[in-house]
């Protein structure tokens, strides 16, 4: 697997598409990434809603980590283009990056929130960055 990939849900195939550069290199049931950045294009999201023509306008970019299991305290990350912009955590905050993310066979995405991955001593403690209008 290359050093960095982009992952998005392929609705037609019901699998995760793994893109390297501009080309889809694989379709996978599940994949885990580290150093993840979540990206979405608001202009493309609005165009998709207006024209009802699907396109890839949201993805996660990161480094694949083969065999990395999802911890119990990972939080779900969702993308609902017809309802709201951006990737969201369960409280509605926009998620822009995570140390680790898991893309599961059922189509869900999960991210680490202050989780130490056992056996991954060289990797930093996990976190997600959430932006919202409320400052702690």
Foldseek 3Di string as FASTA:
>chain_A
DDFKWKWDQDPVVLFIFTHDPHRGPDTHLKWKFFFKFKFFDLVVLVVCVVVVDDDDGIIIMGGTDPPQDDDPPWWWWDQDSVPDDAIATPVGFHWGTKRMWMQHNNGIITGDCQDDRPPPVVGDGIHIDTDDPDDD
